[in-house]
């Protein structure tokens, strides 16, 4: 089984998922207002109906806009984990996640 190349990243604030490293001058390239600082993020990889969560990923996070940046080595490690279908990894825990069907406002699920 292989996990899709797209991932959804958990964030502490709004902003698009970033995979490039924050610049050396300290200014956030997304908003220019903040200075990304060290933190950790989590991401979810999907394959069909299966999901894998990776947490504790080191990242630089902008306090102003919430944009997240991972360095090249971290991005490569995540790609390797996913590319090997997490075969060399042992889950830290298993979790149960509620699943909801989308319903338009005032509509009913079909």
PDB file of N, CA and C in Angstrom:
ATOM      1  N   UNK A   1       0.869  -1.163   0.000  1.00  0.00           N
ATOM      2  CA  UNK A   1       0.000   0.000   0.000  1.00  0.00           C
ATOM      3  C   UNK A   1       0.910   1.219   0.000  1.00  0.00           C
ATOM      4  N   UNK A   2       0.566   2.219  -0.777  1.00  0.00           N
ATOM      5  CA  UNK A   2       1.382   3.427  -0.758  1.00  0.00           C
ATOM      6  C   UNK A   2       0.510   4.621  -0.456  1.00  0.00           C
ATOM      7  N   UNK A   3       1.049   5.552   0.312  1.00  0.00           N
ATOM      8  CA  UNK A   3       0.303   6.730   0.721  1.00  0.00           C
ATOM      9  C   UNK A   3       0.475   7.829  -0.309  1.00  0.00           C
ATOM     10  N   UNK A   4      -0.595   8.575  -0.579  1.00  0.00           N
ATOM     11  CA  UNK A   4      -0.582   9.639  -1.577  1.00  0.00           C
ATOM     12  C   UNK A   4       0.455  10.693  -1.243  1.00  0.00           C
ATOM     13  N   UNK A   5       0.901  11.415  -2.268  1.00  0.00           N
ATOM     14  CA  UNK A   5       1.888  12.458  -2.085  1.00  0.00           C
ATOM     15  C   UNK A   5       1.329  13.663  -1.350  1.00  0.00           C
ATOM     16  N   UNK A   6       0.023  13.822  -1.351  1.00  0.00           N
ATOM     17  CA  UNK A   6      -0.547  14.978  -0.674  1.00  0.00           C
ATOM     18  C   UNK A   6      -0.765  14.659   0.791  1.00  0.00           C
ATOM     19  N   UNK A   7      -0.577  15.647   1.601  1.00  0.00           N
ATOM     20  CA  UNK A   7      -0.777  15.483   3.039  1.00  0.00           C
ATOM     21  C   UNK A   7      -1.497  16.701   3.562  1.00  0.00           C
ATOM     22  N   UNK A   8      -2.275  16.496   4.598  1.00  0.00           N
ATOM     23  CA  UNK A   8      -2.932  17.601   5.275  1.00  0.00           C
ATOM     24  C   UNK A   8      -2.192  17.825   6.576  1.00  0.00           C
ATOM     25  N   UNK A   9      -1.851  19.027   6.870  1.00  0.00           N
ATOM     26  CA  UNK A   9      -1.057  19.339   8.044  1.00  0.00           C
ATOM     27  C   UNK A   9      -1.905  20.009   9.107  1.00  0.00           C
ATOM     28  N   UNK A  10      -1.770  19.540  10.326  1.00  0.00           N
ATOM     29  CA  UNK A  10      -2.440  20.169  11.465  1.00  0.00           C
ATOM     30  C   UNK A  10      -1.743  21.493  11.729  1.00  0.00           C
ATOM     31  N   UNK A  11      -2.476  22.535  12.010  1.00  0.00           N
ATOM     32  CA  UNK A  11      -1.890  23.836  12.274  1.00  0.00           C
ATOM     33  C   UNK A  11      -2.397  24.414  13.584  1.00  0.00           C
ATOM     34  N   UNK A  12      -1.564  25.291  14.093  1.00  0.00           N
ATOM     35  CA  UNK A  12      -1.980  26.004  15.285  1.00  0.00           C
ATOM     36  C   UNK A  12      -2.705  27.285  14.912  1.00  0.00           C
ATOM     37  N   UNK A  13      -2.621  27.715  13.670  1.00  0.00           N
ATOM     38  CA  UNK A  13      -3.298  28.921  13.176  1.00  0.00           C
ATOM     39  C   UNK A  13      -3.555  28.745  11.690  1.00  0.00           C
ATOM     40  N   UNK A  14      -4.193  29.738  11.051  1.00  0.00           N
ATOM     41  CA  UNK A  14      -4.499  29.651   9.626  1.00  0.00           C
ATOM     42  C   UNK A  14      -3.225  29.738   8.808  1.00  0.00           C
ATOM     43  N   UNK A  15      -3.290  29.290   7.555  1.00  0.00           N
ATOM     44  CA  UNK A  15      -2.159  29.388   6.651  1.00  0.00           C
ATOM     45  C   UNK A  15      -2.003  28.122   5.846  1.00  0.00           C
ATOM     46  N   UNK A  16      -1.358  28.243   4.715  1.00  0.00           N
ATOM     47  CA  UNK A  16      -1.149  27.095   3.846  1.00  0.00           C
ATOM     48  C   UNK A  16       0.014  26.266   4.350  1.00  0.00           C
ATOM     49  N   UNK A  17       0.008  25.004   4.030  1.00  0.00           N
ATOM     50  CA  UNK A  17       1.081  24.112   4.454  1.00  0.00           C
ATOM     51  C   UNK A  17       2.354  24.487   3.718  1.00  0.00           C
ATOM     52  N   UNK A  18       3.419  24.673   4.429  1.00  0.00           N
ATOM     53  CA  UNK A  18       4.698  24.997   3.816  1.00  0.00           C
ATOM     54  C   UNK A  18       5.646  23.833   3.913  1.00  0.00           C
ATOM     55  N   UNK A  19       6.482  23.652   2.893  1.00  0.00           N
ATOM     56  CA  UNK A  19       7.479  22.599   2.938  1.00  0.00           C
ATOM     57  C   UNK A  19       8.875  23.157   2.788  1.00  0.00           C
ATOM     58  N   UNK A  20       9.006  24.426   2.477  1.00  0.00           N
ATOM     59  CA  UNK A  20      10.331  25.012   2.354  1.00  0.00           C
ATOM     60  C   UNK A  20      10.772  25.571   3.695  1.00  0.00           C
ATOM     61  N   UNK A  21      12.073  25.710   3.832  1.00  0.00           N
ATOM     62  CA  UNK A  21      12.611  26.249   5.083  1.00  0.00           C
ATOM     63  C   UNK A  21      12.359  27.749   5.146  1.00  0.00           C
ATOM     64  N   UNK A  22      12.214  28.253   6.361  1.00  0.00           N
ATOM     65  CA  UNK A  22      12.057  29.694   6.546  1.00  0.00           C
ATOM     66  C   UNK A  22      13.366  30.380   6.169  1.00  0.00           C
ATOM     67  N   UNK A  23      13.307  31.585   5.644  1.00  0.00           N
ATOM     68  CA  UNK A  23      14.509  32.271   5.216  1.00  0.00           C
ATOM     69  C   UNK A  23      15.411  32.657   6.388  1.00  0.00           C
ATOM     70  N   UNK A  24      16.695  32.858   6.092  1.00  0.00           N
ATOM     71  CA  UNK A  24      17.666  33.191   7.131  1.00  0.00           C
ATOM     72  C   UNK A  24      17.463  34.579   7.728  1.00  0.00           C
ATOM     73  N   UNK A  25      16.826  35.500   6.977  1.00  0.00           N
ATOM     74  CA  UNK A  25      16.667  36.868   7.491  1.00  0.00           C
ATOM     75  C   UNK A  25      15.609  36.964   8.580  1.00  0.00           C
ATOM     76  N   UNK A  26      14.874  35.881   8.833  1.00  0.00           N
ATOM     77  CA  UNK A  26      13.929  35.845   9.918  1.00  0.00           C
ATOM     78  C   UNK A  26      12.503  36.229   9.577  1.00  0.00           C
ATOM     79  N   UNK A  27      12.294  36.966   8.489  1.00  0.00           N
ATOM     80  CA  UNK A  27      10.936  37.390   8.133  1.00  0.00           C
ATOM     81  C   UNK A  27      10.174  36.235   7.493  1.00  0.00           C
ATOM     82  N   UNK A  28       8.920  36.112   7.837  1.00  0.00           N
ATOM     83  CA  UNK A  28       8.068  35.075   7.255  1.00  0.00           C
ATOM     84  C   UNK A  28       7.825  35.390   5.782  1.00  0.00           C
ATOM     85  N   UNK A  29       8.131  34.463   4.885  1.00  0.00           N
ATOM     86  CA  UNK A  29       7.898  34.727   3.466  1.00  0.00           C
ATOM     87  C   UNK A  29       6.416  34.764   3.098  1.00  0.00           C
ATOM     88  N   UNK A  30       5.560  34.234   3.958  1.00  0.00           N
ATOM     89  CA  UNK A  30       4.125  34.235   3.666  1.00  0.00           C
ATOM     90  C   UNK A  30       3.473  35.566   4.011  1.00  0.00           C
ATOM     91  N   UNK A  31       3.833  36.135   5.166  1.00  0.00           N
ATOM     92  CA  UNK A  31       3.165  37.365   5.595  1.00  0.00           C
ATOM     93  C   UNK A  31       4.112  38.535   5.786  1.00  0.00           C
ATOM     94  N   UNK A  32       5.395  38.251   5.981  1.00  0.00           N
ATOM     95  CA  UNK A  32       6.380  39.297   6.196  1.00  0.00           C
ATOM     96  C   UNK A  32       6.308  39.951   7.556  1.00  0.00           C
ATOM     97  N   UNK A  33       5.296  39.607   8.342  1.00  0.00           N
ATOM     98  CA  UNK A  33       5.088  40.278   9.627  1.00  0.00           C
ATOM     99  C   UNK A  33       5.717  39.538  10.793  1.00  0.00           C
ATOM    100  N   UNK A  34       5.790  38.235  10.704  1.00  0.00           N
ATOM    101  CA  UNK A  34       6.281  37.461  11.832  1.00  0.00           C
ATOM    102  C   UNK A  34       7.657  36.892  11.583  1.00  0.00           C
ATOM    103  N   UNK A  35       8.216  36.320  12.624  1.00  0.00           N
ATOM    104  CA  UNK A  35       9.488  35.618  12.536  1.00  0.00           C
ATOM    105  C   UNK A  35       9.251  34.181  12.965  1.00  0.00           C
ATOM    106  N   UNK A  36       9.262  33.230  11.989  1.00  0.00           N
ATOM    107  CA  UNK A  36       9.025  31.828  12.345  1.00  0.00           C
ATOM    108  C   UNK A  36      10.000  31.343  13.405  1.00  0.00           C
ATOM    109  N   UNK A  37       9.458  30.632  14.375  1.00  0.00           N
ATOM    110  CA  UNK A  37      10.250  30.075  15.458  1.00  0.00           C
ATOM    111  C   UNK A  37      10.044  28.577  15.557  1.00  0.00           C
ATOM    112  N   UNK A  38      10.861  27.913  16.342  1.00  0.00           N
ATOM    113  CA  UNK A  38      10.789  26.459  16.440  1.00  0.00           C
ATOM    114  C   UNK A  38       9.492  25.970  17.068  1.00  0.00           C
ATOM    115  N   UNK A  39       9.031  24.844  16.559  1.00  0.00           N
ATOM    116  CA  UNK A  39       7.832  24.197  17.069  1.00  0.00           C
ATOM    117  C   UNK A  39       7.718  22.821  16.461  1.00  0.00           C
ATOM    118  N   UNK A  40       6.605  22.179  16.683  1.00  0.00           N
ATOM    119  CA  UNK A  40       6.345  20.874  16.066  1.00  0.00           C
ATOM    120  C   UNK A  40       4.960  20.888  15.454  1.00  0.00           C
ATOM    121  N   UNK A  41       4.802  20.085  14.412  1.00  0.00           N
ATOM    122  CA  UNK A  41       3.527  19.958  13.719  1.00  0.00           C
ATOM    123  C   UNK A  41       3.194  18.487  13.554  1.00  0.00           C
ATOM    124  N   UNK A  42       2.008  18.213  13.078  1.00  0.00           N
ATOM    125  CA  UNK A  42       1.577  16.856  12.743  1.00  0.00           C
ATOM    126  C   UNK A  42       1.027  16.888  11.330  1.00  0.00           C
ATOM    127  N   UNK A  43       1.112  15.769  10.650  1.00  0.00           N
ATOM    128  CA  UNK A  43       0.551  15.678   9.308  1.00  0.00           C
ATOM    129  C   UNK A  43      -0.145  14.336   9.146  1.00  0.00           C
ATOM    130  N   UNK A  44      -1.079  14.282   8.219  1.00  0.00           N
ATOM    131  CA  UNK A  44      -1.859  13.077   7.952  1.00  0.00           C
ATOM    132  C   UNK A  44      -1.642  12.672   6.509  1.00  0.00           C
ATOM    133  N   UNK A  45      -1.281  11.413   6.301  1.00  0.00           N
ATOM    134  CA  UNK A  45      -1.135  10.865   4.958  1.00  0.00           C
ATOM    135  C   UNK A  45      -2.312   9.947   4.691  1.00  0.00           C
ATOM    136  N   UNK A  46      -2.825   9.968   3.467  1.00  0.00           N
ATOM    137  CA  UNK A  46      -4.009   9.183   3.107  1.00  0.00           C
ATOM    138  C   UNK A  46      -3.702   8.218   1.985  1.00  0.00           C
ATOM    139  N   UNK A  47      -4.273   7.016   2.096  1.00  0.00           N
ATOM    140  CA  UNK A  47      -4.246   6.030   1.018  1.00  0.00           C
ATOM    141  C   UNK A  47      -5.602   5.345   1.003  1.00  0.00           C
ATOM    142  N   UNK A  48      -6.426   5.665   0.014  1.00  0.00           N
ATOM    143  CA  UNK A  48      -7.770   5.106  -0.027  1.00  0.00           C
ATOM    144  C   UNK A  48      -8.516   5.460   1.236  1.00  0.00           C
ATOM    145  N   UNK A  49      -8.921   4.461   1.987  1.00  0.00           N
ATOM    146  CA  UNK A  49      -9.627   4.684   3.244  1.00  0.00           C
ATOM    147  C   UNK A  49      -8.694   4.598   4.453  1.00  0.00           C
ATOM    148  N   UNK A  50      -7.395   4.421   4.226  1.00  0.00           N
ATOM    149  CA  UNK A  50      -6.427   4.326   5.318  1.00  0.00           C
ATOM    150  C   UNK A  50      -5.757   5.672   5.550  1.00  0.00           C
ATOM    151  N   UNK A  51      -5.385   5.921   6.794  1.00  0.00           N
ATOM    152  CA  UNK A  51      -4.744   7.170   7.190  1.00  0.00           C
ATOM    153  C   UNK A  51      -3.568   6.852   8.092  1.00  0.00           C
ATOM    154  N   UNK A  52      -2.539   7.667   8.007  1.00  0.00           N
ATOM    155  CA  UNK A  52      -1.410   7.568   8.924  1.00  0.00           C
ATOM    156  C   UNK A  52      -1.102   8.972   9.427  1.00  0.00           C
ATOM    157  N   UNK A  53      -0.968   9.126  10.722  1.00  0.00           N
ATOM    158  CA  UNK A  53      -0.658  10.413  11.333  1.00  0.00           C
ATOM    159  C   UNK A  53       0.808  10.382  11.773  1.00  0.00           C
ATOM    160  N   UNK A  54       1.536  11.424  11.434  1.00  0.00           N
ATOM    161  CA  UNK A  54       2.903  11.592  11.918  1.00  0.00           C
ATOM    162  C   UNK A  54       2.907  12.877  12.736  1.00  0.00           C
ATOM    163  N   UNK A  55       3.313  12.783  13.982  1.00  0.00           N
ATOM    164  CA  UNK A  55       3.323  13.954  14.852  1.00  0.00           C
ATOM    165  C   UNK A  55       4.748  14.209  15.358  1.00  0.00           C
ATOM    166  N   UNK A  56       4.941  15.370  15.954  1.00  0.00           N
ATOM    167  CA  UNK A  56       6.247  15.703  16.490  1.00  0.00           C
ATOM    168  C   UNK A  56       7.256  16.098  15.416  1.00  0.00           C
ATOM    169  N   UNK A  57       6.766  16.563  14.274  1.00  0.00           N
ATOM    170  CA  UNK A  57       7.640  16.957  13.170  1.00  0.00           C
ATOM    171  C   UNK A  57       8.228  18.328  13.482  1.00  0.00           C
ATOM    172  N   UNK A  58       9.561  18.458  13.500  1.00  0.00           N
ATOM    173  CA  UNK A  58      10.147  19.766  13.773  1.00  0.00           C
ATOM    174  C   UNK A  58       9.855  20.741  12.633  1.00  0.00           C
ATOM    175  N   UNK A  59       9.482  21.954  12.988  1.00  0.00           N
ATOM    176  CA  UNK A  59       9.129  22.956  11.986  1.00  0.00           C
ATOM    177  C   UNK A  59       9.384  24.346  12.549  1.00  0.00           C
ATOM    178  N   UNK A  60       9.449  25.304  11.637  1.00  0.00           N
ATOM    179  CA  UNK A  60       9.459  26.715  12.020  1.00  0.00           C
ATOM    180  C   UNK A  60       8.048  27.218  11.766  1.00  0.00           C
ATOM    181  N   UNK A  61       7.438  27.843  12.768  1.00  0.00           N
ATOM    182  CA  UNK A  61       6.034  28.273  12.669  1.00  0.00           C
ATOM    183  C   UNK A  61       5.962  29.776  12.894  1.00  0.00           C
ATOM    184  N   UNK A  62       5.293  30.479  11.969  1.00  0.00           N
ATOM    185  CA  UNK A  62       5.146  31.924  12.083  1.00  0.00           C
ATOM    186  C   UNK A  62       4.058  32.243  13.104  1.00  0.00           C
ATOM    187  N   UNK A  63       4.361  33.032  14.132  1.00  0.00           N
ATOM    188  CA  UNK A  63       3.351  33.379  15.125  1.00  0.00           C
ATOM    189  C   UNK A  63       2.303  34.349  14.594  1.00  0.00           C
ATOM    190  N   UNK A  64       2.615  35.059  13.508  1.00  0.00           N
ATOM    191  CA  UNK A  64       1.676  36.036  12.968  1.00  0.00           C
ATOM    192  C   UNK A  64       0.621  35.391  12.070  1.00  0.00           C
ATOM    193  N   UNK A  65       1.042  34.479  11.185  1.00  0.00           N
ATOM    194  CA  UNK A  65       0.077  33.917  10.226  1.00  0.00           C
ATOM    195  C   UNK A  65      -0.113  32.409  10.354  1.00  0.00           C
ATOM    196  N   UNK A  66       0.733  31.744  11.132  1.00  0.00           N
ATOM    197  CA  UNK A  66       0.591  30.305  11.322  1.00  0.00           C
ATOM    198  C   UNK A  66       1.251  29.466  10.246  1.00  0.00           C
ATOM    199  N   UNK A  67       1.899  30.079   9.265  1.00  0.00           N
ATOM    200  CA  UNK A  67       2.579  29.320   8.213  1.00  0.00           C
ATOM    201  C   UNK A  67       3.636  28.425   8.839  1.00  0.00           C
ATOM    202  N   UNK A  68       3.772  27.223   8.284  1.00  0.00           N
ATOM    203  CA  UNK A  68       4.696  26.234   8.824  1.00  0.00           C
ATOM    204  C   UNK A  68       5.758  25.909   7.780  1.00  0.00           C
ATOM    205  N   UNK A  69       6.994  25.764   8.227  1.00  0.00           N
ATOM    206  CA  UNK A  69       8.096  25.473   7.339  1.00  0.00           C
ATOM    207  C   UNK A  69       8.900  24.314   7.893  1.00  0.00           C
ATOM    208  N   UNK A  70       9.185  23.318   7.063  1.00  0.00           N
ATOM    209  CA  UNK A  70      10.064  22.224   7.454  1.00  0.00           C
ATOM    210  C   UNK A  70      11.305  22.298   6.584  1.00  0.00           C
ATOM    211  N   UNK A  71      12.435  21.882   7.141  1.00  0.00           N
ATOM    212  CA  UNK A  71      13.663  21.933   6.353  1.00  0.00           C
ATOM    213  C   UNK A  71      13.709  20.743   5.391  1.00  0.00           C
ATOM    214  N   UNK A  72      14.674  20.798   4.480  1.00  0.00           N
ATOM    215  CA  UNK A  72      14.776  19.772   3.444  1.00  0.00           C
ATOM    216  C   UNK A  72      14.986  18.377   4.022  1.00  0.00           C
ATOM    217  N   UNK A  73      15.815  18.266   5.060  1.00  0.00           N
ATOM    218  CA  UNK A  73      16.088  16.954   5.650  1.00  0.00           C
ATOM    219  C   UNK A  73      14.812  16.353   6.257  1.00  0.00           C
ATOM    220  N   UNK A  74      14.009  17.179   6.893  1.00  0.00           N
ATOM    221  CA  UNK A  74      12.749  16.701   7.490  1.00  0.00           C
ATOM    222  C   UNK A  74      11.769  16.285   6.405  1.00  0.00           C
ATOM    223  N   UNK A  75      11.656  17.096   5.353  1.00  0.00           N
ATOM    224  CA  UNK A  75      10.758  16.755   4.240  1.00  0.00           C
ATOM    225  C   UNK A  75      11.187  15.444   3.586  1.00  0.00           C
ATOM    226  N   UNK A  76      12.493  15.258   3.419  1.00  0.00           N
ATOM    227  CA  UNK A  76      12.996  14.023   2.816  1.00  0.00           C
ATOM    228  C   UNK A  76      12.701  12.828   3.714  1.00  0.00           C
ATOM    229  N   UNK A  77      12.874  12.985   5.017  1.00  0.00           N
ATOM    230  CA  UNK A  77      12.586  11.885   5.948  1.00  0.00           C
ATOM    231  C   UNK A  77      11.114  11.509   5.900  1.00  0.00           C
ATOM    232  N   UNK A  78      10.233  12.490   5.851  1.00  0.00           N
ATOM    233  CA  UNK A  78       8.798  12.207   5.733  1.00  0.00           C
ATOM    234  C   UNK A  78       8.499  11.482   4.432  1.00  0.00           C
ATOM    235  N   UNK A  79       9.120  11.909   3.326  1.00  0.00           N
ATOM    236  CA  UNK A  79       8.922  11.239   2.037  1.00  0.00           C
ATOM    237  C   UNK A  79       9.398   9.792   2.096  1.00  0.00           C
ATOM    238  N   UNK A  80      10.513   9.553   2.767  1.00  0.00           N
ATOM    239  CA  UNK A  80      11.025   8.185   2.886  1.00  0.00           C
ATOM    240  C   UNK A  80      10.098   7.327   3.734  1.00  0.00           C
ATOM    241  N   UNK A  81       9.605   7.875   4.834  1.00  0.00           N
ATOM    242  CA  UNK A  81       8.673   7.129   5.681  1.00  0.00           C
ATOM    243  C   UNK A  81       7.438   6.732   4.877  1.00  0.00           C
ATOM    244  N   UNK A  82       6.879   7.708   4.150  1.00  0.00           N
ATOM    245  CA  UNK A  82       5.678   7.471   3.355  1.00  0.00           C
ATOM    246  C   UNK A  82       5.967   6.518   2.205  1.00  0.00           C
ATOM    247  N   UNK A  83       7.107   6.705   1.531  1.00  0.00           N
ATOM    248  CA  UNK A  83       7.461   5.874   0.384  1.00  0.00           C
ATOM    249  C   UNK A  83       7.637   4.415   0.743  1.00  0.00           C
ATOM    250  N   UNK A  84       8.024   4.151   1.979  1.00  0.00           N
ATOM    251  CA  UNK A  84       8.184   2.778   2.454  1.00  0.00           C
ATOM    252  C   UNK A  84       6.926   2.280   3.169  1.00  0.00           C
ATOM    253  N   UNK A  85       5.846   3.038   3.007  1.00  0.00           N
ATOM    254  CA  UNK A  85       4.564   2.689   3.649  1.00  0.00           C
ATOM    255  C   UNK A  85       4.705   2.490   5.149  1.00  0.00           C
ATOM    256  N   UNK A  86       5.618   3.223   5.761  1.00  0.00           N
ATOM    257  CA  UNK A  86       5.841   3.191   7.204  1.00  0.00           C
ATOM    258  C   UNK A  86       6.239   1.807   7.701  1.00  0.00           C
ATOM    259  N   UNK A  87       6.800   0.969   6.790  1.00  0.00           N
ATOM    260  CA  UNK A  87       7.167  -0.411   7.128  1.00  0.00           C
ATOM    261  C   UNK A  87       8.228  -0.472   8.220  1.00  0.00           C
ATOM    262  N   UNK A  88       9.137   0.503   8.267  1.00  0.00           N
ATOM    263  CA  UNK A  88      10.202   0.501   9.269  1.00  0.00           C
ATOM    264  C   UNK A  88       9.792   1.221  10.547  1.00  0.00           C
ATOM    265  N   UNK A  89       8.546   1.646  10.617  1.00  0.00           N
ATOM    266  CA  UNK A  89       8.071   2.424  11.763  1.00  0.00           C
ATOM    267  C   UNK A  89       7.116   1.599  12.606  1.00  0.00           C
ATOM    268  N   UNK A  90       7.117   1.886  13.880  1.00  0.00           N
ATOM    269  CA  UNK A  90       6.158   1.261  14.803  1.00  0.00           C
ATOM    270  C   UNK A  90       5.247   2.363  15.319  1.00  0.00           C
ATOM    271  N   UNK A  91       3.930   2.194  15.199  1.00  0.00           N
ATOM    272  CA  UNK A  91       3.026   3.250  15.676  1.00  0.00           C
ATOM    273  C   UNK A  91       3.218   3.530  17.165  1.00  0.00           C
ATOM    274  N   UNK A  92       3.250   4.817  17.510  1.00  0.00           N
ATOM    275  CA  UNK A  92       3.339   5.207  18.918  1.00  0.00           C
ATOM    276  C   UNK A  92       2.032   4.901  19.628  1.00  0.00           C
ATOM    277  N   UNK A  93       0.936   4.983  18.892  1.00  0.00           N
ATOM    278  CA  UNK A  93      -0.385   4.662  19.431  1.00  0.00           C
ATOM    279  C   UNK A  93      -1.370   4.515  18.280  1.00  0.00           C
ATOM    280  N   UNK A  94      -2.497   3.952  18.565  1.00  0.00           N
ATOM    281  CA  UNK A  94      -3.589   3.852  17.599  1.00  0.00           C
ATOM    282  C   UNK A  94      -4.677   4.792  18.084  1.00  0.00           C
ATOM    283  N   UNK A  95      -5.419   5.388  17.147  1.00  0.00           N
ATOM    284  CA  UNK A  95      -6.476   6.303  17.551  1.00  0.00           C
ATOM    285  C   UNK A  95      -7.748   6.022  16.768  1.00  0.00           C
ATOM    286  N   UNK A  96      -8.835   6.382  17.375  1.00  0.00           N
ATOM    287  CA  UNK A  96     -10.138   6.267  16.733  1.00  0.00           C
ATOM    288  C   UNK A  96     -10.579   7.677  16.359  1.00  0.00           C
ATOM    289  N   UNK A  97     -11.024   7.842  15.125  1.00  0.00           N
ATOM    290  CA  UNK A  97     -11.377   9.167  14.623  1.00  0.00           C
ATOM    291  C   UNK A  97     -12.830   9.158  14.135  1.00  0.00           C
ATOM    292  N   UNK A  98     -13.646  10.111  14.579  1.00  0.00           N
ATOM    293  CA  UNK A  98     -15.013  10.173  14.064  1.00  0.00           C
ATOM    294  C   UNK A  98     -15.004  10.594  12.594  1.00  0.00           C
ATOM    295  N   UNK A  99     -15.928  10.046  11.822  1.00  0.00           N
ATOM    296  CA  UNK A  99     -16.056  10.371  10.401  1.00  0.00           C
ATOM    297  C   UNK A  99     -17.452  10.930  10.182  1.00  0.00           C
ATOM    298  N   UNK A 100     -17.528  12.072   9.519  1.00  0.00           N
ATOM    299  CA  UNK A 100     -18.805  12.726   9.260  1.00  0.00           C
ATOM    300  C   UNK A 100     -19.042  12.823   7.770  1.00  0.00           C
ATOM    301  N   UNK A 101     -20.285  12.726   7.355  1.00  0.00           N
ATOM    302  CA  UNK A 101     -20.678  12.972   5.973  1.00  0.00           C
ATOM    303  C   UNK A 101     -21.003  14.443   5.813  1.00  0.00           C
ATOM    304  N   UNK A 102     -20.544  15.020   4.735  1.00  0.00           N
ATOM    305  CA  UNK A 102     -20.847  16.415   4.438  1.00  0.00           C
ATOM    306  C   UNK A 102     -22.302  16.548   4.035  1.00  0.00           C
ATOM    307  N   UNK A 103     -22.967  17.570   4.574  1.00  0.00           N
ATOM    308  CA  UNK A 103     -24.338  17.896   4.187  1.00  0.00           C
ATOM    309  C   UNK A 103     -24.401  19.376   3.895  1.00  0.00           C
ATOM    310  N   UNK A 104     -24.876  19.757   2.710  1.00  0.00           N
ATOM    311  CA  UNK A 104     -25.057  21.188   2.436  1.00  0.00           C
ATOM    312  C   UNK A 104     -26.026  21.793   3.449  1.00  0.00           C
ATOM    313  N   UNK A 105     -25.928  23.064   3.700  1.00  0.00           N
ATOM    314  CA  UNK A 105     -26.804  23.744   4.635  1.00  0.00           C
ATOM    315  C   UNK A 105     -28.256  23.432   4.320  1.00  0.00           C
ATOM    316  N   UNK A 106     -28.963  22.956   5.301  1.00  0.00           N
ATOM    317  CA  UNK A 106     -30.375  22.646   5.137  1.00  0.00           C
ATOM    318  C   UNK A 106     -30.643  21.362   4.378  1.00  0.00           C
ATOM    319  N   UNK A 107     -29.601  20.706   3.904  1.00  0.00           N
ATOM    320  CA  UNK A 107     -29.766  19.474   3.127  1.00  0.00           C
ATOM    321  C   UNK A 107     -29.666  18.247   3.993  1.00  0.00           C
ATOM    322  N   UNK A 108     -29.853  17.120   3.359  1.00  0.00           N
ATOM    323  CA  UNK A 108     -29.752  15.845   4.051  1.00  0.00           C
ATOM    324  C   UNK A 108     -28.686  14.997   3.375  1.00  0.00           C
ATOM    325  N   UNK A 109     -28.033  14.166   4.138  1.00  0.00           N
ATOM    326  CA  UNK A 109     -27.039  13.259   3.565  1.00  0.00           C
ATOM    327  C   UNK A 109     -27.751  12.286   2.657  1.00  0.00           C
ATOM    328  N   UNK A 110     -27.126  11.941   1.571  1.00  0.00           N
ATOM    329  CA  UNK A 110     -27.761  10.981   0.655  1.00  0.00           C
ATOM    330  C   UNK A 110     -27.297   9.591   0.922  1.00  0.00           C
TER     331      UNK A 110
END
